[in-house]
């Protein structure tokens, strides 16, 4: 089964995505599922592992989704995740330094309802 994953401790999950509220949930989904689109937040709660921990896991396990978006409002966190992923990801993985475009969100929501 192919899924889309949205990692965020506070934001609502978009339609067509599986919500991971922390880095451990996201890591387990990466281990167990084939992921088409992954959207990462950086800050996941006070004194908790961050989205960077998920990035490091992807690199060490060589487990990547087809597309990665970075929706974090933490400019430094987003920059650091982007730079590490850019250096390490396979060429066929799409990486965007920003949130999922609205048109793509609508397409995913519509596709998952069918």
Protein backbone atom coordinates (compact mmCIF):
# COMPACT_ATOMS: atom_id res chain seq x y z
CA UNK A 1 0.00 0.00 0.00
CA UNK A 2 1.27 3.45 -0.92
CA UNK A 3 0.53 6.27 1.52
CA UNK A 4 1.27 9.96 2.02
CA UNK A 5 2.58 11.09 5.41
CA UNK A 6 2.27 14.45 7.17
CA UNK A 7 4.61 14.87 10.17
CA UNK A 8 3.44 17.59 12.54
CA UNK A 9 2.75 17.81 16.26
CA UNK A 10 0.08 20.52 16.02
CA UNK A 11 -1.27 21.20 12.52
CA UNK A 12 -4.30 19.44 11.11
CA UNK A 13 -3.56 16.65 8.70
CA UNK A 14 -4.54 17.30 5.07
CA UNK A 15 -7.00 14.91 3.39
CA UNK A 16 -5.27 11.97 1.76
CA UNK A 17 -2.43 11.84 4.31
CA UNK A 18 -1.60 9.70 7.32
CA UNK A 19 -0.70 11.84 10.32
CA UNK A 20 2.49 11.24 12.30
CA UNK A 21 2.55 13.38 15.46
CA UNK A 22 6.19 12.61 16.34
CA UNK A 23 9.42 11.43 14.77
CA UNK A 24 9.00 7.85 16.02
CA UNK A 25 5.61 7.46 14.33
CA UNK A 26 7.07 8.86 11.12
CA UNK A 27 10.08 6.55 11.29
CA UNK A 28 7.81 3.52 11.76
CA UNK A 29 5.74 4.53 8.74
CA UNK A 30 8.92 4.90 6.69
CA UNK A 31 10.00 1.41 7.79
CA UNK A 32 6.68 -0.32 7.15
CA UNK A 33 5.10 1.48 4.20
CA UNK A 34 5.85 2.76 0.75
CA UNK A 35 5.47 6.53 0.93
CA UNK A 36 4.66 8.66 -2.07
CA UNK A 37 4.63 12.15 -0.49
CA UNK A 38 6.19 13.07 2.87
CA UNK A 39 5.72 16.51 4.39
CA UNK A 40 8.00 17.30 7.33
CA UNK A 41 7.77 19.74 10.21
CA UNK A 42 10.94 20.49 12.16
CA UNK A 43 9.81 21.40 15.70
CA UNK A 44 7.78 18.56 17.21
CA UNK A 45 7.34 19.71 20.79
CA UNK A 46 9.53 20.89 23.62
CA UNK A 47 12.55 18.63 24.20
CA UNK A 48 11.32 16.11 21.60
CA UNK A 49 13.15 14.66 18.58
CA UNK A 50 12.73 16.85 15.50
CA UNK A 51 12.12 16.45 11.81
CA UNK A 52 15.91 16.37 11.44
CA UNK A 53 15.89 13.03 13.30
CA UNK A 54 13.55 11.69 10.60
CA UNK A 55 15.89 13.03 7.91
CA UNK A 56 18.85 11.31 9.56
CA UNK A 57 16.88 8.06 9.76
CA UNK A 58 15.99 8.22 6.05
CA UNK A 59 19.64 8.69 5.17
CA UNK A 60 20.99 5.97 7.47
CA UNK A 61 18.32 3.44 6.44
CA UNK A 62 18.27 4.54 2.78
CA UNK A 63 14.44 4.76 3.01
CA UNK A 64 13.07 7.65 1.00
CA UNK A 65 9.62 8.62 -0.22
CA UNK A 66 9.14 9.70 -3.82
CA UNK A 67 8.61 13.35 -2.83
CA UNK A 68 9.64 15.33 0.25
CA UNK A 69 8.23 18.72 1.25
CA UNK A 70 9.36 20.81 4.20
CA UNK A 71 6.42 22.72 5.66
CA UNK A 72 8.15 23.81 8.88
CA UNK A 73 7.89 27.42 10.00
CA UNK A 74 11.36 27.07 11.57
CA UNK A 75 13.57 28.71 8.97
CA UNK A 76 16.79 27.29 10.43
CA UNK A 77 15.31 23.81 10.88
CA UNK A 78 13.89 23.77 7.35
CA UNK A 79 17.20 24.98 5.91
CA UNK A 80 19.20 22.34 7.76
CA UNK A 81 16.83 19.51 6.74
CA UNK A 82 16.90 20.69 3.13
CA UNK A 83 20.69 20.91 2.95
CA UNK A 84 21.22 17.45 4.44
CA UNK A 85 18.56 15.86 2.22
CA UNK A 86 19.83 17.64 -0.89
CA UNK A 87 23.30 16.15 -0.35
CA UNK A 88 22.08 12.65 0.45
CA UNK A 89 18.86 11.82 -1.38
CA UNK A 90 18.77 9.66 -4.48
CA UNK A 91 18.40 11.60 -7.73
CA UNK A 92 14.88 10.30 -8.37
CA UNK A 93 13.53 11.76 -5.08
CA UNK A 94 11.88 15.15 -5.48
CA UNK A 95 12.77 17.63 -2.70
CA UNK A 96 11.00 20.96 -2.12
CA UNK A 97 12.11 23.57 0.40
CA UNK A 98 8.56 24.55 1.29
CA UNK A 99 5.05 23.24 1.78
CA UNK A 100 3.06 21.12 -0.65
CA UNK A 101 1.46 23.35 -3.30
CA UNK A 102 -2.29 23.81 -2.90
CA UNK A 103 -3.08 22.25 -6.30
CA UNK A 104 -1.16 19.11 -5.32
CA UNK A 105 -3.00 18.93 -1.98
CA UNK A 106 -6.33 19.12 -3.82
CA UNK A 107 -5.24 16.41 -6.26
CA UNK A 108 -4.13 14.09 -3.44
CA UNK A 109 -7.35 14.63 -1.49
CA UNK A 110 -9.47 13.94 -4.59
CA UNK A 111 -7.43 10.87 -5.59
CA UNK A 112 -7.66 9.31 -2.11
CA UNK A 113 -11.46 9.75 -2.02
CA UNK A 114 -11.97 7.75 -5.22
